[in-house]
Amino acid sequence: MESQHKTLARLLQADLVPIAHVSFNQMYTGYSRRYGTVIFVKVFGPDRERKFRTEQQVTAQLTNRVLAGFQLASHEWVLVLRDWQLTPVPKTLTPALVYQMGRLVSQFHRAVQLPTSQNLMPVLDFDGMVARVNRLETSPHYSELVTLLQYFLDHQTMLRRALAQQPVVTLHGDMGTRNFRYHHGQLVLIDFERARRGYAL
């Protein structure tokens, strides 16, 4: 049976090189003769269709990077993008850079619209929060997390009321400095598979 790497190389007429990355997704890059440009390929597992579609839709709203999206016979979902030469932001953040990041996130909130099927009102998942903290029992920060969690649990009603006053927007869903990059000197956001509706904070 043909490997995923070989299948994609054949379908995209590309010399693909796997990208080592801590992720549930397999990624490749290389020059595609089919598209006449260097491509970035992100492969989602068969059970990750929603994440694939979210990433495809959000990327298409924000850029002209999307070249194709399809499902392989082996059921993985494949997103093909124009490859961008991206540079990470500095490890040491300055107030000016953090301000730029905040402006970019605010623009993202206002610009991105998820399909009606994903346009559900957000739920404050306090029970889920308990389960997530319990999974971090071996973390050196566990006792601090438990203390913070108790504060949130003790103030659930107040928090729900306060958040209900906030507008509901599209959240990035995986906010962290690793998902900010520079493209030709301009700060950009990447990696949209976890985008969802939520309260603006």
N, C-alpha and C. Protein backbone atom coordinates (compact mmCIF):
# COMPACT_ATOMS: atom_id res chain seq x y z
N MET A 1 0.84 -1.18 0.00
CA MET A 1 0.00 0.00 0.00
C MET A 1 0.89 1.25 0.00
N GLU A 2 0.52 2.24 -0.81
CA GLU A 2 1.30 3.46 -0.94
C GLU A 2 1.23 4.28 0.36
N SER A 3 2.37 4.82 0.80
CA SER A 3 2.40 5.61 2.02
C SER A 3 1.70 6.95 1.79
N GLN A 4 1.29 7.58 2.88
CA GLN A 4 0.66 8.90 2.80
C GLN A 4 1.57 9.89 2.09
N HIS A 5 2.85 9.87 2.44
CA HIS A 5 3.83 10.78 1.85
C HIS A 5 3.86 10.62 0.32
N LYS A 6 3.94 9.39 -0.13
CA LYS A 6 4.01 9.13 -1.57
C LYS A 6 2.70 9.49 -2.26
N THR A 7 1.57 9.20 -1.61
CA THR A 7 0.27 9.54 -2.19
C THR A 7 0.15 11.03 -2.42
N LEU A 8 0.50 11.80 -1.40
CA LEU A 8 0.42 13.26 -1.51
C LEU A 8 1.39 13.80 -2.57
N ALA A 9 2.60 13.25 -2.59
CA ALA A 9 3.59 13.69 -3.58
C ALA A 9 3.06 13.45 -4.99
N ARG A 10 2.40 12.31 -5.19
CA ARG A 10 1.85 11.99 -6.52
C ARG A 10 0.67 12.90 -6.86
N LEU A 11 -0.27 13.05 -5.92
CA LEU A 11 -1.47 13.86 -6.19
C LEU A 11 -1.12 15.34 -6.42
N LEU A 12 -0.16 15.84 -5.67
CA LEU A 12 0.18 17.26 -5.74
C LEU A 12 1.36 17.53 -6.67
N GLN A 13 1.89 16.45 -7.27
CA GLN A 13 3.06 16.57 -8.16
C GLN A 13 4.12 17.41 -7.47
N ALA A 14 4.49 16.95 -6.29
CA ALA A 14 5.37 17.76 -5.44
C ALA A 14 6.48 16.92 -4.82
N ASP A 15 7.58 17.58 -4.57
CA ASP A 15 8.69 16.98 -3.84
C ASP A 15 8.52 17.41 -2.38
N LEU A 16 7.82 16.60 -1.62
CA LEU A 16 7.42 16.99 -0.27
C LEU A 16 8.43 16.53 0.78
N VAL A 17 8.68 17.41 1.73
CA VAL A 17 9.55 17.11 2.87
C VAL A 17 8.69 17.19 4.13
N PRO A 18 8.68 16.14 4.97
CA PRO A 18 7.90 16.21 6.21
C PRO A 18 8.46 17.29 7.14
N ILE A 19 7.56 17.94 7.87
CA ILE A 19 7.95 18.95 8.85
C ILE A 19 7.80 18.34 10.23
N ALA A 20 8.90 18.35 10.99
CA ALA A 20 8.84 17.84 12.37
C ALA A 20 8.15 18.88 13.23
N HIS A 21 7.07 18.49 13.90
CA HIS A 21 6.30 19.44 14.68
C HIS A 21 5.51 18.69 15.73
N VAL A 22 5.41 19.27 16.93
CA VAL A 22 4.62 18.64 18.00
C VAL A 22 3.16 18.96 17.71
N SER A 23 2.47 18.02 17.07
CA SER A 23 1.09 18.27 16.65
C SER A 23 0.41 16.95 16.38
N PHE A 24 -0.92 16.98 16.39
CA PHE A 24 -1.69 15.79 15.99
C PHE A 24 -1.69 15.65 14.47
N ASN A 25 -1.29 16.69 13.77
CA ASN A 25 -1.34 16.70 12.31
C ASN A 25 0.03 16.43 11.72
N GLN A 26 0.01 15.75 10.55
CA GLN A 26 1.24 15.57 9.78
C GLN A 26 1.35 16.74 8.82
N MET A 27 2.56 17.30 8.66
CA MET A 27 2.75 18.46 7.78
C MET A 27 3.91 18.25 6.83
N TYR A 28 3.78 18.84 5.64
CA TYR A 28 4.81 18.73 4.61
C TYR A 28 4.98 20.08 3.92
N THR A 29 6.13 20.25 3.29
CA THR A 29 6.34 21.41 2.43
C THR A 29 7.17 20.98 1.23
N GLY A 30 7.07 21.74 0.15
CA GLY A 30 7.86 21.45 -1.05
C GLY A 30 7.26 22.12 -2.27
N TYR A 31 8.01 22.10 -3.35
CA TYR A 31 7.53 22.73 -4.59
C TYR A 31 6.55 21.80 -5.30
N SER A 32 5.39 22.35 -5.66
CA SER A 32 4.37 21.58 -6.37
C SER A 32 4.33 22.00 -7.83
N ARG A 33 4.56 21.02 -8.71
CA ARG A 33 4.46 21.31 -10.16
C ARG A 33 2.99 21.53 -10.54
N ARG A 34 2.09 20.91 -9.81
CA ARG A 34 0.65 21.08 -10.10
C ARG A 34 0.22 22.53 -9.88
N TYR A 35 0.70 23.15 -8.80
CA TYR A 35 0.30 24.52 -8.48
C TYR A 35 1.34 25.57 -8.85
N GLY A 36 2.52 25.12 -9.24
CA GLY A 36 3.55 26.06 -9.69
C GLY A 36 4.07 26.95 -8.57
N THR A 37 4.06 26.43 -7.35
CA THR A 37 4.55 27.22 -6.21
C THR A 37 4.93 26.26 -5.08
N VAL A 38 5.63 26.80 -4.10
CA VAL A 38 5.95 26.03 -2.90
C VAL A 38 4.67 25.94 -2.05
N ILE A 39 4.37 24.74 -1.59
CA ILE A 39 3.13 24.52 -0.85
C ILE A 39 3.41 24.06 0.58
N PHE A 40 2.42 24.29 1.43
CA PHE A 40 2.41 23.78 2.81
C PHE A 40 1.20 22.85 2.89
N VAL A 41 1.42 21.63 3.32
CA VAL A 41 0.35 20.63 3.36
C VAL A 41 0.13 20.20 4.81
N LYS A 42 -1.12 20.28 5.25
CA LYS A 42 -1.47 19.89 6.61
C LYS A 42 -2.48 18.75 6.53
N VAL A 43 -2.15 17.63 7.15
CA VAL A 43 -3.00 16.43 7.08
C VAL A 43 -3.66 16.21 8.45
N PHE A 44 -4.99 16.17 8.44
CA PHE A 44 -5.78 15.96 9.65
C PHE A 44 -6.28 14.52 9.69
N GLY A 45 -6.36 13.95 10.87
CA GLY A 45 -6.85 12.58 11.01
C GLY A 45 -8.29 12.44 10.56
N PRO A 46 -8.74 11.22 10.29
CA PRO A 46 -10.12 10.98 9.82
C PRO A 46 -11.19 11.53 10.75
N ASP A 47 -10.88 11.59 12.05
CA ASP A 47 -11.86 12.06 13.03
C ASP A 47 -11.75 13.57 13.29
N ARG A 48 -10.97 14.28 12.47
CA ARG A 48 -10.74 15.71 12.71
C ARG A 48 -11.28 16.58 11.57
N GLU A 49 -12.39 16.13 10.98
CA GLU A 49 -12.97 16.89 9.87
C GLU A 49 -13.36 18.31 10.28
N ARG A 50 -13.95 18.48 11.46
CA ARG A 50 -14.36 19.81 11.88
C ARG A 50 -13.16 20.76 11.96
N LYS A 51 -12.05 20.27 12.50
CA LYS A 51 -10.84 21.10 12.60
C LYS A 51 -10.31 21.44 11.20
N PHE A 52 -10.33 20.46 10.31
CA PHE A 52 -9.90 20.68 8.92
C PHE A 52 -10.76 21.77 8.27
N ARG A 53 -12.08 21.65 8.39
CA ARG A 53 -12.97 22.62 7.75
C ARG A 53 -12.83 24.01 8.37
N THR A 54 -12.67 24.06 9.69
CA THR A 54 -12.50 25.35 10.35
C THR A 54 -11.23 26.03 9.86
N GLU A 55 -10.13 25.29 9.82
CA GLU A 55 -8.86 25.88 9.36
C GLU A 55 -8.98 26.35 7.91
N GLN A 56 -9.61 25.54 7.07
CA GLN A 56 -9.78 25.90 5.66
C GLN A 56 -10.61 27.19 5.52
N GLN A 57 -11.73 27.26 6.24
CA GLN A 57 -12.64 28.41 6.11
C GLN A 57 -12.02 29.69 6.66
N VAL A 58 -11.39 29.60 7.81
CA VAL A 58 -10.80 30.80 8.41
C VAL A 58 -9.62 31.29 7.57
N THR A 59 -8.77 30.38 7.13
CA THR A 59 -7.62 30.77 6.31
C THR A 59 -8.09 31.45 5.03
N ALA A 60 -9.14 30.93 4.42
CA ALA A 60 -9.67 31.52 3.17
C ALA A 60 -10.23 32.92 3.41
N GLN A 61 -10.78 33.16 4.60
CA GLN A 61 -11.32 34.49 4.90
C GLN A 61 -10.20 35.53 5.09
N LEU A 62 -9.05 35.07 5.59
CA LEU A 62 -7.99 36.01 5.96
C LEU A 62 -6.89 36.16 4.92
N THR A 63 -6.72 35.15 4.05
CA THR A 63 -5.59 35.18 3.11
C THR A 63 -6.01 34.54 1.78
N ASN A 64 -5.07 34.57 0.83
CA ASN A 64 -5.28 33.86 -0.44
C ASN A 64 -4.44 32.59 -0.49
N ARG A 65 -4.15 32.02 0.67
CA ARG A 65 -3.25 30.86 0.75
C ARG A 65 -3.88 29.55 0.33
N VAL A 66 -5.20 29.40 0.47
CA VAL A 66 -5.83 28.08 0.27
C VAL A 66 -5.82 27.70 -1.21
N LEU A 67 -5.20 26.56 -1.51
CA LEU A 67 -5.15 26.04 -2.88
C LEU A 67 -6.10 24.87 -3.07
N ALA A 68 -6.24 24.03 -2.04
CA ALA A 68 -7.12 22.85 -2.17
C ALA A 68 -7.40 22.25 -0.80
N GLY A 69 -8.49 21.51 -0.74
CA GLY A 69 -8.84 20.73 0.44
C GLY A 69 -9.56 19.49 -0.03
N PHE A 70 -9.18 18.33 0.49
CA PHE A 70 -9.81 17.08 0.03
C PHE A 70 -9.57 15.97 1.05
N GLN A 71 -10.27 14.86 0.83
CA GLN A 71 -10.12 13.69 1.70
C GLN A 71 -9.45 12.58 0.91
N LEU A 72 -8.47 11.94 1.54
CA LEU A 72 -7.78 10.81 0.91
C LEU A 72 -8.64 9.55 1.00
N ALA A 73 -8.32 8.57 0.20
CA ALA A 73 -9.01 7.28 0.26
C ALA A 73 -8.83 6.64 1.64
N SER A 74 -7.73 6.97 2.31
CA SER A 74 -7.47 6.45 3.66
C SER A 74 -8.18 7.28 4.73
N HIS A 75 -9.02 8.26 4.28
CA HIS A 75 -9.93 9.05 5.13
C HIS A 75 -9.31 10.25 5.84
N GLU A 76 -7.98 10.48 5.70
CA GLU A 76 -7.43 11.71 6.26
C GLU A 76 -7.89 12.91 5.44
N TRP A 77 -7.94 14.06 6.08
CA TRP A 77 -8.32 15.31 5.43
C TRP A 77 -7.07 16.13 5.14
N VAL A 78 -6.99 16.67 3.93
CA VAL A 78 -5.76 17.33 3.49
C VAL A 78 -6.05 18.78 3.11
N LEU A 79 -5.30 19.70 3.70
CA LEU A 79 -5.39 21.12 3.37
C LEU A 79 -4.09 21.53 2.70
N VAL A 80 -4.20 22.11 1.51
CA VAL A 80 -3.03 22.54 0.74
C VAL A 80 -3.03 24.07 0.69
N LEU A 81 -1.96 24.66 1.20
CA LEU A 81 -1.83 26.12 1.24
C LEU A 81 -0.58 26.57 0.50
N ARG A 82 -0.60 27.80 -0.01
CA ARG A 82 0.65 28.41 -0.46
C ARG A 82 1.57 28.49 0.74
N ASP A 83 2.82 28.11 0.57
CA ASP A 83 3.74 28.19 1.70
C ASP A 83 4.16 29.65 1.90
N TRP A 84 4.15 30.07 3.12
CA TRP A 84 4.63 31.41 3.47
C TRP A 84 5.93 31.25 4.25
N GLN A 85 6.90 32.10 3.96
CA GLN A 85 8.12 32.12 4.76
C GLN A 85 7.80 32.88 6.04
N LEU A 86 7.69 32.18 7.13
CA LEU A 86 7.27 32.77 8.40
C LEU A 86 8.42 32.79 9.40
N THR A 87 8.52 33.88 10.13
CA THR A 87 9.55 34.05 11.14
C THR A 87 8.89 34.15 12.51
N PRO A 88 9.38 33.41 13.51
CA PRO A 88 8.76 33.51 14.84
C PRO A 88 8.97 34.89 15.47
N VAL A 89 8.08 35.24 16.39
CA VAL A 89 8.27 36.48 17.14
C VAL A 89 9.38 36.24 18.17
N PRO A 90 10.02 37.31 18.66
CA PRO A 90 11.09 37.14 19.67
C PRO A 90 10.55 36.47 20.93
N LYS A 91 11.43 35.70 21.58
CA LYS A 91 11.02 35.03 22.83
C LYS A 91 10.72 36.05 23.93
N THR A 92 11.47 37.15 23.94
CA THR A 92 11.23 38.21 24.92
C THR A 92 10.27 39.22 24.32
N LEU A 93 9.09 39.34 24.92
CA LEU A 93 8.06 40.23 24.39
C LEU A 93 8.21 41.63 24.98
N THR A 94 8.03 42.62 24.12
CA THR A 94 8.05 44.01 24.58
C THR A 94 6.60 44.50 24.68
N PRO A 95 6.36 45.57 25.45
CA PRO A 95 4.99 46.12 25.50
C PRO A 95 4.47 46.49 24.11
N ALA A 96 5.33 47.01 23.24
CA ALA A 96 4.90 47.39 21.89
C ALA A 96 4.45 46.17 21.09
N LEU A 97 5.20 45.07 21.21
CA LEU A 97 4.83 43.85 20.48
C LEU A 97 3.53 43.27 21.03
N VAL A 98 3.37 43.26 22.35
CA VAL A 98 2.15 42.73 22.96
C VAL A 98 0.95 43.57 22.51
N TYR A 99 1.13 44.88 22.41
CA TYR A 99 0.06 45.76 21.93
C TYR A 99 -0.32 45.40 20.48
N GLN A 100 0.71 45.18 19.65
CA GLN A 100 0.47 44.76 18.25
C GLN A 100 -0.31 43.45 18.21
N MET A 101 0.08 42.51 19.05
CA MET A 101 -0.60 41.21 19.11
C MET A 101 -2.07 41.40 19.48
N GLY A 102 -2.31 42.24 20.47
CA GLY A 102 -3.68 42.50 20.90
C GLY A 102 -4.53 43.10 19.78
N ARG A 103 -3.95 44.04 19.04
CA ARG A 103 -4.68 44.63 17.91
C ARG A 103 -5.00 43.59 16.84
N LEU A 104 -4.03 42.69 16.60
CA LEU A 104 -4.24 41.65 15.59
C LEU A 104 -5.35 40.69 16.02
N VAL A 105 -5.36 40.33 17.29
CA VAL A 105 -6.41 39.43 17.80
C VAL A 105 -7.78 40.11 17.71
N SER A 106 -7.82 41.40 18.04
CA SER A 106 -9.08 42.15 17.94
C SER A 106 -9.59 42.17 16.50
N GLN A 107 -8.68 42.37 15.55
CA GLN A 107 -9.07 42.34 14.12
C GLN A 107 -9.60 40.96 13.74
N PHE A 108 -8.95 39.92 14.25
CA PHE A 108 -9.39 38.54 14.00
C PHE A 108 -10.81 38.36 14.50
N HIS A 109 -11.08 38.81 15.74
CA HIS A 109 -12.43 38.69 16.33
C HIS A 109 -13.48 39.32 15.43
N ARG A 110 -13.17 40.48 14.89
CA ARG A 110 -14.16 41.21 14.09
C ARG A 110 -14.29 40.68 12.66
N ALA A 111 -13.20 40.16 12.11
CA ALA A 111 -13.18 39.80 10.69
C ALA A 111 -13.72 38.40 10.40
N VAL A 112 -13.45 37.45 11.28
CA VAL A 112 -13.74 36.05 10.95
C VAL A 112 -15.16 35.67 11.34
N GLN A 113 -15.86 35.07 10.39
CA GLN A 113 -17.22 34.57 10.62
C GLN A 113 -17.21 33.05 10.40
N LEU A 114 -17.63 32.32 11.41
CA LEU A 114 -17.74 30.87 11.26
C LEU A 114 -19.10 30.53 10.68
N PRO A 115 -19.21 29.38 10.00
CA PRO A 115 -20.49 28.97 9.42
C PRO A 115 -21.56 28.85 10.50
N THR A 116 -22.82 28.95 10.07
CA THR A 116 -23.95 28.89 11.00
C THR A 116 -23.90 27.63 11.85
N SER A 117 -23.46 26.52 11.28
CA SER A 117 -23.41 25.26 12.03
C SER A 117 -22.46 25.35 13.22
N GLN A 118 -21.48 26.27 13.16
CA GLN A 118 -20.53 26.43 14.26
C GLN A 118 -20.81 27.70 15.06
N ASN A 119 -21.94 28.32 14.78
CA ASN A 119 -22.23 29.64 15.34
C ASN A 119 -22.98 29.53 16.67
N LEU A 120 -22.68 28.49 17.44
CA LEU A 120 -23.39 28.27 18.69
C LEU A 120 -22.89 29.23 19.76
N MET A 121 -23.79 29.58 20.66
CA MET A 121 -23.39 30.42 21.79
C MET A 121 -22.40 29.63 22.66
N PRO A 122 -21.39 30.31 23.18
CA PRO A 122 -20.40 29.60 24.00
C PRO A 122 -20.99 29.15 25.33
N VAL A 123 -20.43 28.09 25.84
CA VAL A 123 -20.84 27.55 27.13
C VAL A 123 -19.66 27.69 28.09
N LEU A 124 -19.92 28.13 29.31
CA LEU A 124 -18.86 28.19 30.31
C LEU A 124 -18.77 26.81 30.96
N ASP A 125 -17.75 26.07 30.58
CA ASP A 125 -17.65 24.66 30.94
C ASP A 125 -16.88 24.48 32.24
N PHE A 126 -17.52 24.79 33.37
CA PHE A 126 -16.84 24.67 34.66
C PHE A 126 -16.53 23.21 34.99
N ASP A 127 -17.45 22.30 34.65
CA ASP A 127 -17.19 20.88 34.93
C ASP A 127 -16.00 20.39 34.11
N GLY A 128 -15.95 20.81 32.85
CA GLY A 128 -14.81 20.43 32.00
C GLY A 128 -13.50 20.97 32.53
N MET A 129 -13.57 22.17 33.13
CA MET A 129 -12.38 22.79 33.70
C MET A 129 -11.83 21.94 34.84
N VAL A 130 -12.73 21.42 35.66
CA VAL A 130 -12.32 20.55 36.77
C VAL A 130 -11.58 19.33 36.22
N ALA A 131 -12.15 18.70 35.20
CA ALA A 131 -11.53 17.51 34.61
C ALA A 131 -10.16 17.84 34.02
N ARG A 132 -10.05 19.01 33.37
CA ARG A 132 -8.77 19.38 32.75
C ARG A 132 -7.70 19.63 33.82
N VAL A 133 -8.08 20.28 34.90
CA VAL A 133 -7.11 20.53 35.98
C VAL A 133 -6.69 19.19 36.61
N ASN A 134 -7.64 18.29 36.80
CA ASN A 134 -7.31 16.98 37.40
C ASN A 134 -6.34 16.18 36.55
N ARG A 135 -6.38 16.39 35.22
CA ARG A 135 -5.44 15.69 34.34
C ARG A 135 -4.01 16.21 34.50
N LEU A 136 -3.87 17.37 35.15
CA LEU A 136 -2.54 17.98 35.33
C LEU A 136 -1.98 17.72 36.72
N GLU A 137 -2.43 16.63 37.34
CA GLU A 137 -2.04 16.32 38.72
C GLU A 137 -0.53 16.20 38.89
N THR A 138 0.18 15.79 37.85
CA THR A 138 1.64 15.62 37.96
C THR A 138 2.40 16.91 37.65
N SER A 139 1.69 17.95 37.28
CA SER A 139 2.34 19.23 36.96
C SER A 139 2.88 19.88 38.24
N PRO A 140 4.04 20.55 38.14
CA PRO A 140 4.55 21.28 39.32
C PRO A 140 3.64 22.45 39.72
N HIS A 141 2.73 22.84 38.85
CA HIS A 141 1.82 23.96 39.13
C HIS A 141 0.44 23.49 39.59
N TYR A 142 0.32 22.19 39.86
CA TYR A 142 -1.01 21.63 40.16
C TYR A 142 -1.68 22.31 41.35
N SER A 143 -0.95 22.51 42.45
CA SER A 143 -1.58 23.09 43.65
C SER A 143 -2.06 24.52 43.37
N GLU A 144 -1.28 25.28 42.57
CA GLU A 144 -1.72 26.64 42.20
C GLU A 144 -2.99 26.59 41.35
N LEU A 145 -3.03 25.62 40.43
CA LEU A 145 -4.20 25.48 39.56
C LEU A 145 -5.44 25.14 40.37
N VAL A 146 -5.28 24.26 41.35
CA VAL A 146 -6.42 23.87 42.19
C VAL A 146 -6.94 25.08 42.96
N THR A 147 -6.03 25.91 43.47
CA THR A 147 -6.43 27.13 44.20
C THR A 147 -7.20 28.08 43.28
N LEU A 148 -6.66 28.29 42.07
CA LEU A 148 -7.34 29.16 41.10
C LEU A 148 -8.68 28.58 40.69
N LEU A 149 -8.71 27.27 40.47
CA LEU A 149 -9.95 26.62 40.07
C LEU A 149 -11.03 26.83 41.14
N GLN A 150 -10.65 26.73 42.40
CA GLN A 150 -11.63 26.91 43.48
C GLN A 150 -12.21 28.31 43.45
N TYR A 151 -11.37 29.30 43.14
CA TYR A 151 -11.86 30.68 43.02
C TYR A 151 -12.94 30.76 41.94
N PHE A 152 -12.65 30.16 40.78
CA PHE A 152 -13.62 30.20 39.67
C PHE A 152 -14.91 29.47 40.04
N LEU A 153 -14.77 28.34 40.71
CA LEU A 153 -15.96 27.58 41.10
C LEU A 153 -16.80 28.34 42.13
N ASP A 154 -16.12 29.02 43.06
CA ASP A 154 -16.84 29.79 44.09
C ASP A 154 -17.55 31.01 43.51
N HIS A 155 -17.10 31.47 42.34
CA HIS A 155 -17.65 32.70 41.75
C HIS A 155 -18.35 32.44 40.41
N GLN A 156 -18.82 31.22 40.21
CA GLN A 156 -19.45 30.86 38.93
C GLN A 156 -20.57 31.81 38.52
N THR A 157 -21.45 32.09 39.44
CA THR A 157 -22.62 32.91 39.11
C THR A 157 -22.20 34.30 38.67
N MET A 158 -21.28 34.91 39.42
CA MET A 158 -20.79 36.24 39.08
C MET A 158 -20.09 36.24 37.72
N LEU A 159 -19.28 35.20 37.48
CA LEU A 159 -18.55 35.11 36.21
C LEU A 159 -19.52 34.95 35.03
N ARG A 160 -20.52 34.11 35.20
CA ARG A 160 -21.50 33.91 34.12
C ARG A 160 -22.22 35.22 33.80
N ARG A 161 -22.60 35.96 34.84
CA ARG A 161 -23.30 37.24 34.61
C ARG A 161 -22.40 38.23 33.90
N ALA A 162 -21.14 38.32 34.35
CA ALA A 162 -20.20 39.29 33.77
C ALA A 162 -19.92 38.97 32.30
N LEU A 163 -19.72 37.68 32.01
CA LEU A 163 -19.40 37.29 30.64
C LEU A 163 -20.61 37.45 29.72
N ALA A 164 -21.80 37.27 30.26
CA ALA A 164 -23.01 37.41 29.44
C ALA A 164 -23.16 38.82 28.87
N GLN A 165 -22.47 39.79 29.47
CA GLN A 165 -22.52 41.17 28.97
C GLN A 165 -21.55 41.40 27.82
N GLN A 166 -20.64 40.45 27.58
CA GLN A 166 -19.61 40.63 26.56
C GLN A 166 -20.12 40.19 25.19
N PRO A 167 -19.63 40.81 24.11
CA PRO A 167 -20.04 40.35 22.78
C PRO A 167 -19.48 38.95 22.49
N VAL A 168 -20.21 38.21 21.67
CA VAL A 168 -19.75 36.89 21.23
C VAL A 168 -19.05 37.07 19.89
N VAL A 169 -17.81 36.58 19.80
CA VAL A 169 -16.99 36.77 18.60
C VAL A 169 -16.36 35.43 18.22
N THR A 170 -15.61 35.42 17.13
CA THR A 170 -14.82 34.24 16.78
C THR A 170 -13.49 34.32 17.52
N LEU A 171 -13.22 33.33 18.36
CA LEU A 171 -11.96 33.25 19.08
C LEU A 171 -10.98 32.39 18.29
N HIS A 172 -9.70 32.68 18.43
CA HIS A 172 -8.67 31.87 17.76
C HIS A 172 -8.68 30.45 18.29
N GLY A 173 -8.81 30.30 19.60
CA GLY A 173 -8.95 28.97 20.20
C GLY A 173 -7.64 28.33 20.63
N ASP A 174 -6.50 28.86 20.18
CA ASP A 174 -5.20 28.29 20.58
C ASP A 174 -4.20 29.43 20.67
N MET A 175 -4.56 30.43 21.46
CA MET A 175 -3.76 31.65 21.53
C MET A 175 -2.47 31.39 22.29
N GLY A 176 -1.37 31.70 21.65
CA GLY A 176 -0.05 31.56 22.27
C GLY A 176 0.96 32.20 21.33
N THR A 177 2.11 32.57 21.86
CA THR A 177 3.09 33.27 21.03
C THR A 177 3.54 32.42 19.83
N ARG A 178 3.45 31.08 19.96
CA ARG A 178 3.88 30.21 18.85
C ARG A 178 3.01 30.40 17.61
N ASN A 179 1.80 30.94 17.78
CA ASN A 179 0.91 31.12 16.64
C ASN A 179 0.89 32.56 16.11
N PHE A 180 1.83 33.35 16.57
CA PHE A 180 2.11 34.65 15.96
C PHE A 180 3.39 34.51 15.17
N ARG A 181 3.39 35.02 13.95
CA ARG A 181 4.58 34.96 13.09
C ARG A 181 4.71 36.27 12.32
N TYR A 182 5.89 36.49 11.79
CA TYR A 182 6.10 37.60 10.86
C TYR A 182 6.11 37.06 9.44
N HIS A 183 5.39 37.74 8.55
CA HIS A 183 5.39 37.42 7.12
C HIS A 183 5.74 38.70 6.37
N HIS A 184 6.93 38.72 5.76
CA HIS A 184 7.43 39.94 5.11
C HIS A 184 7.36 41.14 6.06
N GLY A 185 7.75 40.91 7.31
CA GLY A 185 7.81 41.99 8.28
C GLY A 185 6.47 42.35 8.93
N GLN A 186 5.39 41.70 8.50
CA GLN A 186 4.07 41.99 9.07
C GLN A 186 3.65 40.89 10.03
N LEU A 187 3.15 41.27 11.19
CA LEU A 187 2.70 40.30 12.18
C LEU A 187 1.42 39.62 11.70
N VAL A 188 1.39 38.28 11.74
CA VAL A 188 0.22 37.53 11.31
C VAL A 188 -0.09 36.44 12.33
N LEU A 189 -1.35 35.98 12.31
CA LEU A 189 -1.77 34.83 13.11
C LEU A 189 -1.81 33.60 12.21
N ILE A 190 -1.51 32.43 12.77
CA ILE A 190 -1.59 31.17 12.03
C ILE A 190 -2.33 30.14 12.87
N ASP A 191 -2.62 29.00 12.26
CA ASP A 191 -3.15 27.81 12.93
C ASP A 191 -4.55 28.05 13.50
N PHE A 192 -5.55 27.88 12.64
CA PHE A 192 -6.92 28.26 12.99
C PHE A 192 -7.85 27.09 13.27
N GLU A 193 -7.32 25.88 13.38
CA GLU A 193 -8.21 24.71 13.47
C GLU A 193 -9.07 24.69 14.72
N ARG A 194 -8.68 25.42 15.77
CA ARG A 194 -9.45 25.43 17.02
C ARG A 194 -10.34 26.67 17.15
N ALA A 195 -10.44 27.44 16.08
CA ALA A 195 -11.29 28.65 16.13
C ALA A 195 -12.72 28.26 16.50
N ARG A 196 -13.37 29.11 17.30
CA ARG A 196 -14.72 28.81 17.77
C ARG A 196 -15.37 30.12 18.23
N ARG A 197 -16.66 30.06 18.47
CA ARG A 197 -17.38 31.22 19.00
C ARG A 197 -17.15 31.30 20.51
N GLY A 198 -17.02 32.51 21.01
CA GLY A 198 -16.81 32.67 22.45
C GLY A 198 -16.92 34.13 22.84
N TYR A 199 -16.86 34.38 24.13
CA TYR A 199 -16.98 35.74 24.64
C TYR A 199 -15.68 36.50 24.43
N ALA A 200 -15.80 37.74 23.96
CA ALA A 200 -14.62 38.61 23.85
C ALA A 200 -14.15 38.95 25.24
N LEU A 201 -12.87 38.73 25.50
CA LEU A 201 -12.31 38.98 26.84
C LEU A 201 -11.23 40.05 26.73
